Amino acid sequence: MPFSLATWNINSVRLRIGLVERLLADHRPDVLCLQETKCPNDQFPEKAFRALGYEHVAIHGQKGYHGVATISKLPFEDIVRQDFCAVGDARHLSTRIDVAGRKIRIHNLYVPAGGDEPDPEINPKFRHKLDFVEELRRTNADGEPGVSALLCGDLNIAPLETDVWSHKQLLKIVSHTPVETEGLVTAQKDGNWTDLMRVHFPPEEVLFTWWSYRAKDWAASNRGRRLDHVWGSADMAPLLGGVEILSEARGWDKPSDHVPVIARFSL
């Protein structure tokens, strides 16, 4: 049975609901995980999703900042909202679904960006990011017996040299500093996760999912980073049919600076 999961940092779901509707109409993923929804729960545009056949909506939002939402054609068996670092931010949402008898836990994450200065002693935002990634080590792909797992979202870290436009020039730039990349790789390893995007795309291939708004011509300069990720439990890797990065979405009208990533499976 085919199954597809999409993840997208939408940078305000209400501002860009038309772009989300376009994605769902054109690509029809079974599950869509959104980050940076910037929307309190009572103002989330559920009706727009239900009109497209997505009857199941789980939300963890807050006014003006952060926020994650998981939209699904399939019903949720369980919904968990974890408060990472106990600061009250809406940055995590996990749901469990049943796909043709296979139970799958889906973690939807929005890791803090970390500010501009990569020094936790003088930048509390960067300290918060490192603490968040440290806590992520306890999110285990094998945490529930008999349940497969996927973890996706804007992790705000580009771990590989080929995940950024210039490894040398970005070593001291937040999102690609060694303390961040090593921390994310450790969290992935300790949690028994597989980087599914790099199962489909070899590690030596350059891969981006984000291009800054500051670029006058994002496509021409192509100074991107892979900040959006899809991880899976070990049993999901052999079922992966492919991963698609919709880079063309960066050129849509009033776009997010991130683009959707779609992972497709044969279950």
Protein backbone atom coordinates (compact mmCIF):
# COMPACT_ATOMS: atom_id res chain seq x y z
CA MET A 1 0.00 0.00 0.00
CA PRO A 2 1.43 3.43 -0.90
CA PHE A 3 1.84 5.96 1.89
CA SER A 4 3.26 9.47 1.70
CA LEU A 5 4.34 12.02 4.27
CA ALA A 6 5.03 15.69 3.58
CA THR A 7 6.77 18.19 5.85
CA TRP A 8 6.90 21.96 5.40
CA ASN A 9 7.86 24.98 7.47
CA ILE A 10 5.10 27.21 6.17
CA ASN A 11 6.04 30.44 8.03
CA SER A 12 2.43 31.35 8.91
CA VAL A 13 -0.32 28.94 7.89
CA ARG A 14 -2.99 31.64 7.67
CA LEU A 15 -0.85 33.89 5.49
CA ARG A 16 0.04 31.03 3.15
CA ILE A 17 -3.02 28.78 3.29
CA GLY A 18 -3.35 29.11 -0.50
CA LEU A 19 0.11 27.59 -0.95
CA VAL A 20 -0.75 24.72 1.39
CA GLU A 21 -3.96 24.07 -0.53
CA ARG A 22 -1.93 24.02 -3.75
CA LEU A 23 0.48 21.46 -2.31
CA LEU A 24 -2.31 19.20 -1.10
CA ALA A 25 -4.29 19.45 -4.34
CA ASP A 26 -1.27 18.70 -6.53
CA HIS A 27 0.52 16.03 -4.47
CA ARG A 28 -2.11 14.53 -2.11
CA PRO A 29 0.19 13.30 0.68
CA ASP A 30 -1.54 11.11 3.25
CA VAL A 31 -0.07 13.16 6.08
CA LEU A 32 1.22 16.74 6.10
CA CYS A 33 3.35 18.06 8.96
CA LEU A 34 3.55 21.86 9.16
CA GLN A 35 5.94 23.92 11.26
CA GLU A 36 6.04 27.60 12.24
CA THR A 37 2.29 27.88 11.86
CA LYS A 38 2.26 31.08 13.98
CA CYS A 39 -1.36 30.47 14.88
CA PRO A 40 -3.28 29.85 18.12
CA ASN A 41 -5.34 26.68 18.11
CA ASP A 42 -8.70 28.42 17.94
CA GLN A 43 -7.71 30.32 14.78
CA PHE A 44 -6.24 27.41 12.83
CA PRO A 45 -7.90 27.10 9.37
CA GLU A 46 -9.22 23.56 9.80
CA LYS A 47 -12.10 24.03 7.36
CA ALA A 48 -9.70 24.54 4.44
CA PHE A 49 -8.09 21.16 5.09
CA ARG A 50 -11.36 19.33 5.61
CA ALA A 51 -12.62 20.72 2.30
CA LEU A 52 -9.71 18.93 0.60
CA GLY A 53 -10.45 15.61 2.29
CA TYR A 54 -8.11 15.95 5.25
CA GLU A 55 -10.54 15.26 8.07
CA HIS A 56 -8.02 14.76 10.86
CA VAL A 57 -6.17 17.76 12.25
CA ALA A 58 -3.89 17.85 15.30
CA ILE A 59 -2.62 21.25 16.43
CA HIS A 60 -0.04 22.55 18.87
CA GLY A 61 -0.04 26.29 18.35
CA GLN A 62 0.55 29.61 20.01
CA LYS A 63 -0.07 33.22 19.09
CA GLY A 64 2.45 34.77 16.72
CA TYR A 65 5.29 32.30 17.19
CA HIS A 66 6.36 28.71 16.55
CA GLY A 67 3.54 26.18 16.25
CA VAL A 68 3.21 22.77 14.61
CA ALA A 69 0.26 20.98 13.04
CA THR A 70 -0.29 17.52 11.57
CA ILE A 71 -3.00 17.08 8.93
CA SER A 72 -4.04 13.60 7.86
CA LYS A 73 -6.41 11.60 5.70
CA LEU A 74 -6.11 8.83 8.29
CA PRO A 75 -7.47 9.02 11.84
CA PHE A 76 -5.16 9.56 14.81
CA GLU A 77 -5.03 6.85 17.43
CA ASP A 78 -3.05 9.02 19.81
CA ILE A 79 -1.84 12.63 20.07
CA VAL A 80 1.03 13.85 22.28
CA ARG A 81 2.27 17.42 22.72
CA GLN A 82 5.68 17.54 24.37
CA ASP A 83 6.99 20.71 25.98
CA PHE A 84 10.70 20.53 25.14
CA CYS A 85 12.89 22.35 27.69
CA ALA A 86 9.75 23.16 29.72
CA VAL A 87 9.46 26.71 28.39
CA GLY A 88 5.92 26.49 27.03
CA ASP A 89 6.78 26.71 23.33
CA ALA A 90 4.65 24.87 20.77
CA ARG A 91 7.43 22.99 18.98
CA HIS A 92 6.47 19.31 19.08
CA LEU A 93 3.48 17.20 18.15
CA SER A 94 3.36 13.44 17.77
CA THR A 95 0.52 11.38 16.40
CA ARG A 96 0.01 7.67 15.82
CA ILE A 97 -1.80 6.32 12.80
CA ASP A 98 -2.57 2.90 11.36
CA VAL A 99 -1.65 2.30 7.71
CA ALA A 100 -2.79 -1.08 6.41
CA GLY A 101 -2.20 -2.66 9.80
CA ARG A 102 1.16 -0.98 10.42
CA LYS A 103 1.14 1.43 13.31
CA ILE A 104 3.33 4.49 12.80
CA ARG A 105 4.24 7.18 15.31
CA ILE A 106 4.91 10.52 13.57
CA HIS A 107 6.91 13.19 15.39
CA ASN A 108 6.49 16.71 13.99
CA LEU A 109 9.24 19.07 15.22
CA TYR A 110 10.29 22.68 15.01
CA VAL A 111 13.75 23.07 16.56
CA PRO A 112 14.68 26.61 17.69
CA ALA A 113 16.65 28.62 15.14
CA GLY A 114 19.18 29.75 17.73
CA GLY A 115 19.69 33.41 16.90
CA ASP A 116 22.74 34.83 15.17
CA GLU A 117 25.60 34.38 17.65
CA PRO A 118 26.80 30.76 18.05
CA ASP A 119 27.92 31.22 21.65
CA PRO A 120 25.65 29.82 24.39
CA GLU A 121 27.37 31.94 27.02
CA ILE A 122 26.18 35.22 25.50
CA ASN A 123 23.21 34.09 23.37
CA PRO A 124 20.34 32.47 25.33
CA LYS A 125 18.60 31.54 22.06
CA PHE A 126 21.59 29.42 21.04
CA ARG A 127 21.73 27.87 24.53
CA HIS A 128 18.06 26.98 24.18
CA LYS A 129 18.71 25.36 20.81
CA LEU A 130 21.53 23.21 22.16
CA ASP A 131 19.42 22.17 25.15
CA PHE A 132 16.55 21.27 22.81
CA VAL A 133 18.79 19.08 20.66
CA GLU A 134 20.19 17.44 23.80
CA GLU A 135 16.67 16.61 24.94
CA LEU A 136 15.90 15.25 21.47
CA ARG A 137 18.34 12.42 22.21
CA ARG A 138 15.61 10.88 24.38
CA THR A 139 13.13 10.66 21.50
CA ASN A 140 13.65 7.07 20.39
CA ALA A 141 12.53 5.49 17.14
CA ASP A 142 11.98 2.23 19.00
CA GLY A 143 10.12 3.77 21.91
CA GLU A 144 6.89 1.82 21.38
CA PRO A 145 6.91 -1.96 20.86
CA GLY A 146 5.30 -2.91 17.57
CA VAL A 147 5.14 0.69 16.35
CA SER A 148 7.24 2.09 13.51
CA ALA A 149 8.28 5.73 13.71
CA LEU A 150 8.91 8.79 11.55
CA LEU A 151 10.37 12.10 12.70
CA CYS A 152 10.17 15.11 10.46
CA GLY A 153 10.20 18.86 10.44
CA ASP A 154 12.38 21.93 10.52
CA LEU A 155 15.33 20.83 12.65
CA ASN A 156 17.16 24.07 11.83
CA ILE A 157 20.50 22.27 11.47
CA ALA A 158 22.30 21.27 8.26
CA PRO A 159 24.50 18.40 9.49
CA LEU A 160 26.52 17.38 6.41
CA GLU A 161 29.02 19.38 4.38
CA THR A 162 26.76 18.80 1.37
CA ASP A 163 23.77 20.20 3.28
CA VAL A 164 25.07 23.77 2.88
CA TRP A 165 26.26 25.86 -0.05
CA SER A 166 29.72 26.36 1.53
CA HIS A 167 30.94 24.20 4.38
CA LYS A 168 33.98 26.38 5.13
CA GLN A 169 32.11 29.67 5.04
CA LEU A 170 29.29 28.44 7.28
CA LEU A 171 31.29 26.70 10.01
CA LYS A 172 30.77 29.69 12.29
CA ILE A 173 27.20 30.39 11.16
CA VAL A 174 24.29 29.16 13.25
CA SER A 175 22.75 25.98 11.74
CA HIS A 176 26.09 24.51 10.62
CA THR A 177 28.46 25.01 13.55
CA PRO A 178 30.21 21.84 14.77
CA VAL A 179 28.46 21.88 18.15
CA GLU A 180 25.08 21.86 16.41
CA THR A 181 25.86 19.31 13.71
CA GLU A 182 27.54 16.96 16.17
CA GLY A 183 24.62 17.33 18.55
CA LEU A 184 22.07 16.48 15.87
CA VAL A 185 24.04 13.48 14.64
CA THR A 186 24.31 12.25 18.25
CA ALA A 187 20.56 12.67 18.76
CA GLN A 188 19.92 10.73 15.58
CA LYS A 189 22.28 7.94 16.62
CA ASP A 190 21.12 7.71 20.24
CA GLY A 191 17.49 7.66 19.11
CA ASN A 192 18.12 4.85 16.59
CA TRP A 193 16.93 7.04 13.72
CA THR A 194 17.80 6.70 10.03
CA ASP A 195 18.16 9.83 7.89
CA LEU A 196 15.68 8.82 5.18
CA MET A 197 16.49 11.74 2.91
CA ARG A 198 20.07 10.52 2.75
CA VAL A 199 18.86 6.99 2.07
CA HIS A 200 17.36 8.30 -1.15
CA PHE A 201 19.95 11.00 -1.92
CA PRO A 202 23.56 9.86 -1.42
CA PRO A 203 25.51 11.85 1.21
CA GLU A 204 27.86 13.29 -1.42
CA GLU A 205 24.96 14.95 -3.26
CA VAL A 206 24.26 18.60 -2.47
CA LEU A 207 20.79 18.98 -0.98
CA PHE A 208 18.90 22.11 0.13
CA THR A 209 15.41 22.77 1.52
CA TRP A 210 15.81 26.43 2.59
CA TRP A 211 16.91 29.61 0.83
CA SER A 212 17.14 32.95 2.66
CA TYR A 213 14.72 35.79 1.97
CA ARG A 214 17.79 38.05 1.91
CA ALA A 215 18.93 36.70 -1.47
CA LYS A 216 17.88 38.95 -4.36
CA ASP A 217 17.71 35.90 -6.63
CA TRP A 218 17.58 32.74 -4.54
CA ALA A 219 17.70 30.40 -7.55
CA ALA A 220 20.68 32.09 -9.22
CA SER A 221 22.79 32.32 -6.07
CA ASN A 222 21.55 28.93 -4.77
CA ARG A 223 22.99 29.56 -1.32
CA GLY A 224 20.77 27.03 0.41
CA ARG A 225 20.82 24.74 3.40
CA ARG A 226 19.10 21.45 4.26
CA LEU A 227 17.28 22.43 7.43
CA ASP A 228 14.22 20.18 6.92
CA HIS A 229 14.52 16.48 7.61
CA VAL A 230 12.71 13.15 7.52
CA TRP A 231 14.01 10.41 9.81
CA GLY A 232 12.61 6.94 10.33
CA SER A 233 12.93 3.83 12.44
CA ALA A 234 15.15 1.18 10.87
CA ASP A 235 12.19 -0.83 9.58
CA MET A 236 10.93 2.13 7.52
CA ALA A 237 14.11 2.54 5.46
CA PRO A 238 13.58 -0.56 3.26
CA LEU A 239 10.02 0.61 2.58
CA LEU A 240 11.10 4.03 1.29
CA GLY A 241 10.15 4.49 -2.34
CA GLY A 242 11.61 7.95 -2.75
CA VAL A 243 11.97 11.50 -1.46
CA GLU A 244 10.97 14.61 -3.39
CA ILE A 245 12.13 18.14 -2.54
CA LEU A 246 9.73 20.64 -4.12
CA SER A 247 12.30 23.39 -4.68
CA GLU A 248 9.97 25.09 -7.17
CA ALA A 249 7.78 26.12 -4.22
CA ARG A 250 10.44 28.64 -3.20
CA GLY A 251 9.47 30.54 -6.34
CA TRP A 252 5.71 30.56 -5.67
CA ASP A 253 3.97 33.86 -4.91
CA LYS A 254 4.78 35.11 -1.39
CA PRO A 255 6.59 31.84 -0.52
CA SER A 256 7.96 30.40 2.67
CA ASP A 257 11.75 30.38 2.78
CA HIS A 258 11.49 26.59 3.24
CA VAL A 259 10.12 24.17 0.64
CA PRO A 260 8.06 20.98 1.12
CA VAL A 261 9.70 17.58 1.37
CA ILE A 262 7.66 14.49 0.50
CA ALA A 263 8.68 10.95 1.45
CA ARG A 264 6.87 8.06 -0.21
CA PHE A 265 6.68 4.50 1.10
CA SER A 266 5.36 1.11 0.00
CA LEU A 267 3.89 -0.55 3.09
